[in-house]
N, C-alpha and C. Protein backbone atom coordinates (compact mmCIF):
# COMPACT_ATOMS: atom_id res chain seq x y z
N MET A 1 0.83 -1.18 0.00
CA MET A 1 0.00 0.00 0.00
C MET A 1 0.88 1.26 0.00
N LEU A 2 1.99 1.20 0.71
CA LEU A 2 2.87 2.38 0.76
C LEU A 2 3.39 2.77 -0.62
N ASN A 3 3.78 1.78 -1.41
CA ASN A 3 4.27 2.08 -2.76
C ASN A 3 3.18 2.72 -3.60
N ALA A 4 1.97 2.22 -3.49
CA ALA A 4 0.86 2.78 -4.25
C ALA A 4 0.54 4.20 -3.79
N LEU A 5 0.60 4.45 -2.49
CA LEU A 5 0.36 5.80 -1.97
C LEU A 5 1.42 6.77 -2.49
N GLU A 6 2.66 6.35 -2.46
CA GLU A 6 3.74 7.21 -2.96
C GLU A 6 3.54 7.53 -4.44
N TYR A 7 3.09 6.55 -5.20
CA TYR A 7 2.86 6.76 -6.62
C TYR A 7 1.76 7.81 -6.85
N LEU A 8 0.69 7.75 -6.07
CA LEU A 8 -0.44 8.68 -6.24
C LEU A 8 -0.23 10.04 -5.58
N LYS A 9 0.73 10.10 -4.67
CA LYS A 9 0.95 11.33 -3.89
C LYS A 9 1.19 12.55 -4.77
N SER A 10 2.00 12.41 -5.80
CA SER A 10 2.29 13.56 -6.66
C SER A 10 1.06 13.95 -7.49
N GLU A 11 0.26 12.97 -7.86
CA GLU A 11 -0.95 13.25 -8.65
C GLU A 11 -2.03 13.94 -7.81
N LEU A 12 -2.23 13.43 -6.60
CA LEU A 12 -3.36 13.89 -5.79
C LEU A 12 -2.97 14.90 -4.71
N ASP A 13 -1.69 15.12 -4.49
CA ASP A 13 -1.21 16.12 -3.53
C ASP A 13 -1.81 15.93 -2.14
N PHE A 14 -1.41 14.89 -1.46
CA PHE A 14 -1.85 14.62 -0.09
C PHE A 14 -0.66 14.20 0.75
N ARG A 15 -0.87 14.21 2.05
CA ARG A 15 0.15 13.73 2.99
C ARG A 15 -0.44 12.57 3.77
N TYR A 16 0.43 11.72 4.27
CA TYR A 16 -0.03 10.63 5.10
C TYR A 16 1.00 10.35 6.19
N ARG A 17 0.54 9.63 7.20
CA ARG A 17 1.39 9.26 8.32
C ARG A 17 1.26 7.76 8.53
N VAL A 18 2.36 7.10 8.70
CA VAL A 18 2.36 5.65 8.93
C VAL A 18 2.35 5.38 10.43
N ARG A 19 1.43 4.54 10.84
CA ARG A 19 1.35 4.11 12.24
C ARG A 19 1.46 2.60 12.29
N ASP A 20 2.15 2.08 13.27
CA ASP A 20 2.27 0.64 13.45
C ASP A 20 1.11 0.17 14.33
N VAL A 21 0.15 -0.48 13.73
CA VAL A 21 -1.04 -0.93 14.45
C VAL A 21 -0.66 -1.87 15.58
N ASP A 22 0.35 -2.70 15.39
CA ASP A 22 0.76 -3.64 16.42
C ASP A 22 1.37 -2.97 17.64
N GLU A 23 1.80 -1.73 17.51
CA GLU A 23 2.40 -0.99 18.62
C GLU A 23 1.35 -0.30 19.49
N ASP A 24 0.10 -0.29 19.06
CA ASP A 24 -0.96 0.44 19.76
C ASP A 24 -2.13 -0.51 19.99
N ALA A 25 -2.39 -0.84 21.23
CA ALA A 25 -3.43 -1.82 21.56
C ALA A 25 -4.80 -1.38 21.06
N ALA A 26 -5.11 -0.10 21.14
CA ALA A 26 -6.42 0.39 20.68
C ALA A 26 -6.56 0.22 19.17
N LEU A 27 -5.50 0.53 18.43
CA LEU A 27 -5.54 0.37 16.98
C LEU A 27 -5.62 -1.11 16.61
N ALA A 28 -4.88 -1.96 17.30
CA ALA A 28 -4.91 -3.40 17.05
C ALA A 28 -6.31 -3.95 17.28
N ALA A 29 -6.97 -3.49 18.34
CA ALA A 29 -8.33 -3.94 18.63
C ALA A 29 -9.30 -3.43 17.57
N ARG A 30 -9.10 -2.23 17.12
CA ARG A 30 -10.02 -1.62 16.15
C ARG A 30 -9.91 -2.25 14.76
N TYR A 31 -8.68 -2.47 14.29
CA TYR A 31 -8.49 -2.92 12.91
C TYR A 31 -8.21 -4.41 12.79
N GLY A 32 -7.85 -5.07 13.87
CA GLY A 32 -7.64 -6.50 13.84
C GLY A 32 -6.71 -6.93 12.72
N ASP A 33 -7.21 -7.79 11.85
CA ASP A 33 -6.38 -8.28 10.75
C ASP A 33 -6.56 -7.48 9.46
N ARG A 34 -7.29 -6.36 9.52
CA ARG A 34 -7.47 -5.50 8.34
C ARG A 34 -6.28 -4.54 8.20
N VAL A 35 -5.09 -5.10 8.09
CA VAL A 35 -3.85 -4.32 8.03
C VAL A 35 -3.10 -4.75 6.79
N PRO A 36 -2.55 -3.86 6.02
CA PRO A 36 -2.57 -2.42 6.24
C PRO A 36 -3.96 -1.84 5.98
N VAL A 37 -4.21 -0.73 6.64
CA VAL A 37 -5.48 -0.03 6.51
C VAL A 37 -5.19 1.43 6.22
N LEU A 38 -5.99 2.04 5.36
CA LEU A 38 -5.87 3.46 5.08
C LEU A 38 -7.07 4.15 5.69
N VAL A 39 -6.80 5.09 6.60
CA VAL A 39 -7.83 5.78 7.35
C VAL A 39 -7.64 7.28 7.16
N ALA A 40 -8.74 7.98 6.95
CA ALA A 40 -8.73 9.44 6.88
C ALA A 40 -9.67 9.92 7.98
N GLY A 41 -9.10 10.47 9.04
CA GLY A 41 -9.93 10.84 10.19
C GLY A 41 -10.48 9.57 10.82
N VAL A 42 -11.80 9.42 10.81
CA VAL A 42 -12.43 8.21 11.33
C VAL A 42 -12.95 7.32 10.19
N THR A 43 -12.70 7.72 8.96
CA THR A 43 -13.19 6.99 7.79
C THR A 43 -12.16 5.97 7.30
N GLU A 44 -12.55 4.70 7.31
CA GLU A 44 -11.70 3.66 6.73
C GLU A 44 -11.91 3.69 5.23
N LEU A 45 -10.85 3.97 4.50
CA LEU A 45 -10.97 4.05 3.04
C LEU A 45 -10.74 2.69 2.38
N CYS A 46 -9.77 1.94 2.86
CA CYS A 46 -9.49 0.63 2.28
C CYS A 46 -8.54 -0.12 3.20
N TRP A 47 -8.45 -1.42 2.97
CA TRP A 47 -7.50 -2.23 3.72
C TRP A 47 -6.92 -3.27 2.78
N TYR A 48 -5.79 -3.81 3.18
CA TYR A 48 -4.97 -4.78 2.43
C TYR A 48 -4.31 -4.13 1.21
N PHE A 49 -5.11 -3.56 0.31
CA PHE A 49 -4.58 -2.94 -0.91
C PHE A 49 -5.19 -1.56 -1.06
N LEU A 50 -4.47 -0.66 -1.69
CA LEU A 50 -4.97 0.69 -1.91
C LEU A 50 -6.10 0.67 -2.93
N ASP A 51 -7.21 1.28 -2.58
CA ASP A 51 -8.31 1.51 -3.50
C ASP A 51 -8.16 2.94 -4.00
N ALA A 52 -7.45 3.11 -5.10
CA ALA A 52 -7.12 4.44 -5.61
C ALA A 52 -8.37 5.24 -5.94
N ASP A 53 -9.38 4.59 -6.47
CA ASP A 53 -10.63 5.30 -6.79
C ASP A 53 -11.30 5.82 -5.53
N ARG A 54 -11.31 5.03 -4.49
CA ARG A 54 -11.91 5.47 -3.21
C ARG A 54 -11.12 6.64 -2.63
N LEU A 55 -9.80 6.57 -2.71
CA LEU A 55 -8.98 7.66 -2.20
C LEU A 55 -9.23 8.93 -3.01
N ARG A 56 -9.26 8.83 -4.31
CA ARG A 56 -9.55 10.00 -5.16
C ARG A 56 -10.91 10.61 -4.80
N GLU A 57 -11.91 9.75 -4.69
CA GLU A 57 -13.26 10.20 -4.35
C GLU A 57 -13.26 10.94 -3.01
N TYR A 58 -12.59 10.36 -2.02
CA TYR A 58 -12.52 10.99 -0.70
C TYR A 58 -11.84 12.35 -0.77
N LEU A 59 -10.69 12.41 -1.44
CA LEU A 59 -9.94 13.67 -1.51
C LEU A 59 -10.70 14.74 -2.28
N LEU A 60 -11.39 14.37 -3.32
CA LEU A 60 -12.14 15.35 -4.10
C LEU A 60 -13.37 15.87 -3.36
N SER A 61 -13.90 15.06 -2.45
CA SER A 61 -15.08 15.49 -1.70
C SER A 61 -14.72 16.26 -0.43
N ALA A 62 -13.46 16.20 -0.03
CA ALA A 62 -13.04 16.86 1.22
C ALA A 62 -12.89 18.36 1.04
């Protein structure tokens, strides 16, 4: 997912922060095995693989 985010970053002009879900008990409980997960605020955009269309849609509506 990180490689895909980096690829789209120049096109869509966004920033992201990587968090280790296994290092945070609350995040581990929340996302379980849906890792990697892409979250914007409280909105889960996708997990396992980047859904570029969903990310585009979210960024354009924000």
